[in-house]
Amino acid sequence: MLKDLKGKTVYDLTMEEFIGLFCPQCKDCVICVKDPKTINICMSLIDSGVWDSHFRKRQD
């Protein structure tokens, strides 16, 4: 499913690639509708670093 991601941003991914990579890592995945508007918001949160600090599931 995934191709080489070197040098790419989240905006270079298809919706399916994005969902496969990031949604399983998100603590809100079970309540998310995963529609295009929500995915665009998530892409912005990931790009800015907010997703990593607030939404990523922690293994700590």
PDB file of N, CA and C in Angstrom:
ATOM      1  N   MET A   1       0.822  -1.195   0.000  1.00  0.00           N
ATOM      2  CA  MET A   1       0.000   0.000   0.000  1.00  0.00           C
ATOM      3  C   MET A   1       0.868   1.261   0.000  1.00  0.00           C
ATOM      4  N   LEU A   2       1.876   1.301   0.861  1.00  0.00           N
ATOM      5  CA  LEU A   2       2.677   2.508   0.965  1.00  0.00           C
ATOM      6  C   LEU A   2       3.874   2.462   0.033  1.00  0.00           C
ATOM      7  N   LYS A   3       4.145   3.608  -0.545  1.00  0.00           N
ATOM      8  CA  LYS A   3       5.337   3.743  -1.376  1.00  0.00           C
ATOM      9  C   LYS A   3       6.382   4.510  -0.576  1.00  0.00           C
ATOM     10  N   ASP A   4       7.499   4.805  -1.179  1.00  0.00           N
ATOM     11  CA  ASP A   4       8.565   5.539  -0.500  1.00  0.00           C
ATOM     12  C   ASP A   4       8.053   6.916  -0.085  1.00  0.00           C
ATOM     13  N   LEU A   5       8.152   7.229   1.203  1.00  0.00           N
ATOM     14  CA  LEU A   5       7.642   8.497   1.716  1.00  0.00           C
ATOM     15  C   LEU A   5       8.744   9.527   1.959  1.00  0.00           C
ATOM     16  N   LYS A   6       9.964   9.195   1.623  1.00  0.00           N
ATOM     17  CA  LYS A   6      11.097  10.090   1.853  1.00  0.00           C
ATOM     18  C   LYS A   6      10.878  11.429   1.147  1.00  0.00           C
ATOM     19  N   GLY A   7      10.969  12.512   1.926  1.00  0.00           N
ATOM     20  CA  GLY A   7      10.842  13.846   1.369  1.00  0.00           C
ATOM     21  C   GLY A   7       9.416  14.308   1.132  1.00  0.00           C
ATOM     22  N   LYS A   8       8.440  13.523   1.554  1.00  0.00           N
ATOM     23  CA  LYS A   8       7.039  13.886   1.332  1.00  0.00           C
ATOM     24  C   LYS A   8       6.425  14.465   2.598  1.00  0.00           C
ATOM     25  N   THR A   9       5.390  15.240   2.411  1.00  0.00           N
ATOM     26  CA  THR A   9       4.626  15.767   3.535  1.00  0.00           C
ATOM     27  C   THR A   9       3.302  15.019   3.607  1.00  0.00           C
ATOM     28  N   VAL A  10       2.533  15.270   4.654  1.00  0.00           N
ATOM     29  CA  VAL A  10       1.221  14.622   4.766  1.00  0.00           C
ATOM     30  C   VAL A  10       0.320  15.010   3.603  1.00  0.00           C
ATOM     31  N   TYR A  11       0.555  16.175   3.026  1.00  0.00           N
ATOM     32  CA  TYR A  11      -0.277  16.638   1.918  1.00  0.00           C
ATOM     33  C   TYR A  11       0.005  15.896   0.613  1.00  0.00           C
ATOM     34  N   ASP A  12       1.119  15.177   0.557  1.00  0.00           N
ATOM     35  CA  ASP A  12       1.462  14.386  -0.627  1.00  0.00           C
ATOM     36  C   ASP A  12       0.838  12.995  -0.599  1.00  0.00           C
ATOM     37  N   LEU A  13       0.247  12.611   0.525  1.00  0.00           N
ATOM     38  CA  LEU A  13      -0.356  11.285   0.670  1.00  0.00           C
ATOM     39  C   LEU A  13      -1.776  11.269   0.132  1.00  0.00           C
ATOM     40  N   THR A  14      -2.199  10.118  -0.370  1.00  0.00           N
ATOM     41  CA  THR A  14      -3.613   9.960  -0.719  1.00  0.00           C
ATOM     42  C   THR A  14      -4.391   9.811   0.583  1.00  0.00           C
ATOM     43  N   MET A  15      -5.687   9.957   0.512  1.00  0.00           N
ATOM     44  CA  MET A  15      -6.516   9.815   1.710  1.00  0.00           C
ATOM     45  C   MET A  15      -6.349   8.415   2.308  1.00  0.00           C
ATOM     46  N   GLU A  16      -6.293   7.393   1.462  1.00  0.00           N
ATOM     47  CA  GLU A  16      -6.142   6.019   1.938  1.00  0.00           C
ATOM     48  C   GLU A  16      -4.794   5.818   2.628  1.00  0.00           C
ATOM     49  N   GLU A  17      -3.725   6.369   2.058  1.00  0.00           N
ATOM     50  CA  GLU A  17      -2.401   6.265   2.675  1.00  0.00           C
ATOM     51  C   GLU A  17      -2.382   6.976   4.023  1.00  0.00           C
ATOM     52  N   PHE A  18      -2.976   8.159   4.054  1.00  0.00           N
ATOM     53  CA  PHE A  18      -3.014   8.931   5.288  1.00  0.00           C
ATOM     54  C   PHE A  18      -3.757   8.167   6.378  1.00  0.00           C
ATOM     55  N   ILE A  19      -4.934   7.656   6.043  1.00  0.00           N
ATOM     56  CA  ILE A  19      -5.732   6.908   7.020  1.00  0.00           C
ATOM     57  C   ILE A  19      -4.958   5.688   7.518  1.00  0.00           C
ATOM     58  N   GLY A  20      -4.287   4.992   6.616  1.00  0.00           N
ATOM     59  CA  GLY A  20      -3.519   3.815   7.003  1.00  0.00           C
ATOM     60  C   GLY A  20      -2.347   4.122   7.923  1.00  0.00           C
ATOM     61  N   LEU A  21      -1.720   5.274   7.716  1.00  0.00           N
ATOM     62  CA  LEU A  21      -0.553   5.640   8.522  1.00  0.00           C
ATOM     63  C   LEU A  21      -0.905   6.289   9.851  1.00  0.00           C
ATOM     64  N   PHE A  22      -1.815   7.234   9.842  1.00  0.00           N
ATOM     65  CA  PHE A  22      -2.027   8.057  11.024  1.00  0.00           C
ATOM     66  C   PHE A  22      -3.249   7.697  11.863  1.00  0.00           C
ATOM     67  N   CYS A  23      -4.329   7.301  11.248  1.00  0.00           N
ATOM     68  CA  CYS A  23      -5.551   7.047  12.017  1.00  0.00           C
ATOM     69  C   CYS A  23      -5.380   5.975  13.096  1.00  0.00           C
ATOM     70  N   PRO A  24      -4.705   4.856  12.820  1.00  0.00           N
ATOM     71  CA  PRO A  24      -4.537   3.855  13.877  1.00  0.00           C
ATOM     72  C   PRO A  24      -3.716   4.371  15.069  1.00  0.00           C
ATOM     73  N   GLN A  25      -2.938   5.423  14.873  1.00  0.00           N
ATOM     74  CA  GLN A  25      -2.112   5.989  15.940  1.00  0.00           C
ATOM     75  C   GLN A  25      -2.844   7.054  16.750  1.00  0.00           C
ATOM     76  N   CYS A  26      -4.057   7.403  16.343  1.00  0.00           N
ATOM     77  CA  CYS A  26      -4.793   8.504  16.970  1.00  0.00           C
ATOM     78  C   CYS A  26      -5.736   7.990  18.049  1.00  0.00           C
ATOM     79  N   LYS A  27      -5.721   8.648  19.216  1.00  0.00           N
ATOM     80  CA  LYS A  27      -6.588   8.218  20.314  1.00  0.00           C
ATOM     81  C   LYS A  27      -8.061   8.501  20.027  1.00  0.00           C
ATOM     82  N   ASP A  28      -8.367   9.355  19.068  1.00  0.00           N
ATOM     83  CA  ASP A  28      -9.755   9.659  18.719  1.00  0.00           C
ATOM     84  C   ASP A  28     -10.256   8.846  17.531  1.00  0.00           C
ATOM     85  N   CYS A  29      -9.490   7.870  17.083  1.00  0.00           N
ATOM     86  CA  CYS A  29      -9.823   7.090  15.888  1.00  0.00           C
ATOM     87  C   CYS A  29     -11.202   6.434  15.974  1.00  0.00           C
ATOM     88  N   VAL A  30     -11.573   5.931  17.135  1.00  0.00           N
ATOM     89  CA  VAL A  30     -12.840   5.200  17.261  1.00  0.00           C
ATOM     90  C   VAL A  30     -14.060   6.103  17.117  1.00  0.00           C
ATOM     91  N   ILE A  31     -13.906   7.398  17.354  1.00  0.00           N
ATOM     92  CA  ILE A  31     -15.050   8.305  17.227  1.00  0.00           C
ATOM     93  C   ILE A  31     -14.984   9.178  15.975  1.00  0.00           C
ATOM     94  N   CYS A  32     -13.918   9.035  15.198  1.00  0.00           N
ATOM     95  CA  CYS A  32     -13.699   9.876  14.016  1.00  0.00           C
ATOM     96  C   CYS A  32     -14.519   9.381  12.826  1.00  0.00           C
ATOM     97  N   VAL A  33     -15.085  10.319  12.059  1.00  0.00           N
ATOM     98  CA  VAL A  33     -15.873   9.964  10.873  1.00  0.00           C
ATOM     99  C   VAL A  33     -14.995   9.762   9.636  1.00  0.00           C
ATOM    100  N   LYS A  34     -13.760  10.233   9.681  1.00  0.00           N
ATOM    101  CA  LYS A  34     -12.781  10.073   8.590  1.00  0.00           C
ATOM    102  C   LYS A  34     -13.292  10.564   7.235  1.00  0.00           C
ATOM    103  N   ASP A  35     -14.014  11.666   7.249  1.00  0.00           N
ATOM    104  CA  ASP A  35     -14.456  12.274   5.995  1.00  0.00           C
ATOM    105  C   ASP A  35     -13.359  13.232   5.505  1.00  0.00           C
ATOM    106  N   PRO A  36     -13.440  13.681   4.254  1.00  0.00           N
ATOM    107  CA  PRO A  36     -12.378  14.547   3.711  1.00  0.00           C
ATOM    108  C   PRO A  36     -12.116  15.809   4.539  1.00  0.00           C
ATOM    109  N   LYS A  37     -13.152  16.426   5.085  1.00  0.00           N
ATOM    110  CA  LYS A  37     -12.964  17.640   5.884  1.00  0.00           C
ATOM    111  C   LYS A  37     -12.166  17.323   7.154  1.00  0.00           C
ATOM    112  N   THR A  38     -12.520  16.240   7.822  1.00  0.00           N
ATOM    113  CA  THR A  38     -11.810  15.844   9.036  1.00  0.00           C
ATOM    114  C   THR A  38     -10.368  15.470   8.728  1.00  0.00           C
ATOM    115  N   ILE A  39     -10.150  14.744   7.645  1.00  0.00           N
ATOM    116  CA  ILE A  39      -8.791  14.349   7.260  1.00  0.00           C
ATOM    117  C   ILE A  39      -7.941  15.584   6.970  1.00  0.00           C
ATOM    118  N   ASN A  40      -8.504  16.591   6.311  1.00  0.00           N
ATOM    119  CA  ASN A  40      -7.756  17.830   6.050  1.00  0.00           C
ATOM    120  C   ASN A  40      -7.379  18.537   7.348  1.00  0.00           C
ATOM    121  N   ILE A  41      -8.293  18.531   8.322  1.00  0.00           N
ATOM    122  CA  ILE A  41      -7.993  19.126   9.630  1.00  0.00           C
ATOM    123  C   ILE A  41      -6.851  18.356  10.287  1.00  0.00           C
ATOM    124  N   CYS A  42      -6.920  17.027  10.241  1.00  0.00           N
ATOM    125  CA  CYS A  42      -5.861  16.204  10.832  1.00  0.00           C
ATOM    126  C   CYS A  42      -4.524  16.446  10.149  1.00  0.00           C
ATOM    127  N   MET A  43      -4.527  16.584   8.834  1.00  0.00           N
ATOM    128  CA  MET A  43      -3.288  16.867   8.112  1.00  0.00           C
ATOM    129  C   MET A  43      -2.670  18.170   8.606  1.00  0.00           C
ATOM    130  N   SER A  44      -3.500  19.171   8.830  1.00  0.00           N
ATOM    131  CA  SER A  44      -3.004  20.454   9.337  1.00  0.00           C
ATOM    132  C   SER A  44      -2.446  20.305  10.749  1.00  0.00           C
ATOM    133  N   LEU A  45      -3.134  19.520  11.583  1.00  0.00           N
ATOM    134  CA  LEU A  45      -2.663  19.292  12.948  1.00  0.00           C
ATOM    135  C   LEU A  45      -1.332  18.541  12.952  1.00  0.00           C
ATOM    136  N   ILE A  46      -1.183  17.577  12.060  1.00  0.00           N
ATOM    137  CA  ILE A  46       0.075  16.830  11.960  1.00  0.00           C
ATOM    138  C   ILE A  46       1.183  17.733  11.454  1.00  0.00           C
ATOM    139  N   ASP A  47       0.905  18.508  10.420  1.00  0.00           N
ATOM    140  CA  ASP A  47       1.905  19.386   9.824  1.00  0.00           C
ATOM    141  C   ASP A  47       2.418  20.412  10.831  1.00  0.00           C
ATOM    142  N   SER A  48       1.541  20.878  11.718  1.00  0.00           N
ATOM    143  CA  SER A  48       1.927  21.892  12.698  1.00  0.00           C
ATOM    144  C   SER A  48       2.548  21.303  13.966  1.00  0.00           C
ATOM    145  N   GLY A  49       2.455  19.979  14.147  1.00  0.00           N
ATOM    146  CA  GLY A  49       3.002  19.339  15.344  1.00  0.00           C
ATOM    147  C   GLY A  49       2.007  19.193  16.475  1.00  0.00           C
ATOM    148  N   VAL A  50       0.813  19.755  16.329  1.00  0.00           N
ATOM    149  CA  VAL A  50      -0.197  19.690  17.385  1.00  0.00           C
ATOM    150  C   VAL A  50      -0.697  18.259  17.579  1.00  0.00           C
ATOM    151  N   TRP A  51      -0.899  17.536  16.495  1.00  0.00           N
ATOM    152  CA  TRP A  51      -1.397  16.158  16.585  1.00  0.00           C
ATOM    153  C   TRP A  51      -0.464  15.305  17.431  1.00  0.00           C
ATOM    154  N   ASP A  52       0.830  15.447  17.221  1.00  0.00           N
ATOM    155  CA  ASP A  52       1.808  14.633  17.941  1.00  0.00           C
ATOM    156  C   ASP A  52       1.741  14.865  19.444  1.00  0.00           C
ATOM    157  N   SER A  53       1.520  16.091  19.855  1.00  0.00           N
ATOM    158  CA  SER A  53       1.513  16.379  21.286  1.00  0.00           C
ATOM    159  C   SER A  53       0.157  16.169  21.952  1.00  0.00           C
ATOM    160  N   HIS A  54      -0.930  16.138  21.190  1.00  0.00           N
ATOM    161  CA  HIS A  54      -2.250  16.043  21.814  1.00  0.00           C
ATOM    162  C   HIS A  54      -3.100  14.848  21.409  1.00  0.00           C
ATOM    163  N   PHE A  55      -2.893  14.292  20.230  1.00  0.00           N
ATOM    164  CA  PHE A  55      -3.794  13.249  19.742  1.00  0.00           C
ATOM    165  C   PHE A  55      -3.148  11.879  19.552  1.00  0.00           C
ATOM    166  N   ARG A  56      -1.835  11.818  19.422  1.00  0.00           N
ATOM    167  CA  ARG A  56      -1.159  10.531  19.205  1.00  0.00           C
ATOM    168  C   ARG A  56      -1.314   9.658  20.447  1.00  0.00           C
ATOM    169  N   LYS A  57      -1.593   8.371  20.224  1.00  0.00           N
ATOM    170  CA  LYS A  57      -1.627   7.409  21.324  1.00  0.00           C
ATOM    171  C   LYS A  57      -0.216   7.271  21.858  1.00  0.00           C
ATOM    172  N   ARG A  58      -0.066   7.374  23.133  1.00  0.00           N
ATOM    173  CA  ARG A  58       1.256   7.251  23.756  1.00  0.00           C
ATOM    174  C   ARG A  58       1.447   5.843  24.289  1.00  0.00           C
ATOM    175  N   GLN A  59       2.623   5.309  24.103  1.00  0.00           N
ATOM    176  CA  GLN A  59       2.965   3.983  24.605  1.00  0.00           C
ATOM    177  C   GLN A  59       3.705   4.076  25.939  1.00  0.00           C
ATOM    178  N   ASP A  60       3.825   5.280  26.488  1.00  0.00           N
ATOM    179  CA  ASP A  60       4.590   5.509  27.728  1.00  0.00           C
ATOM    180  C   ASP A  60       3.983   4.794  28.906  1.00  0.00           C
TER     181      ASP A  60
END
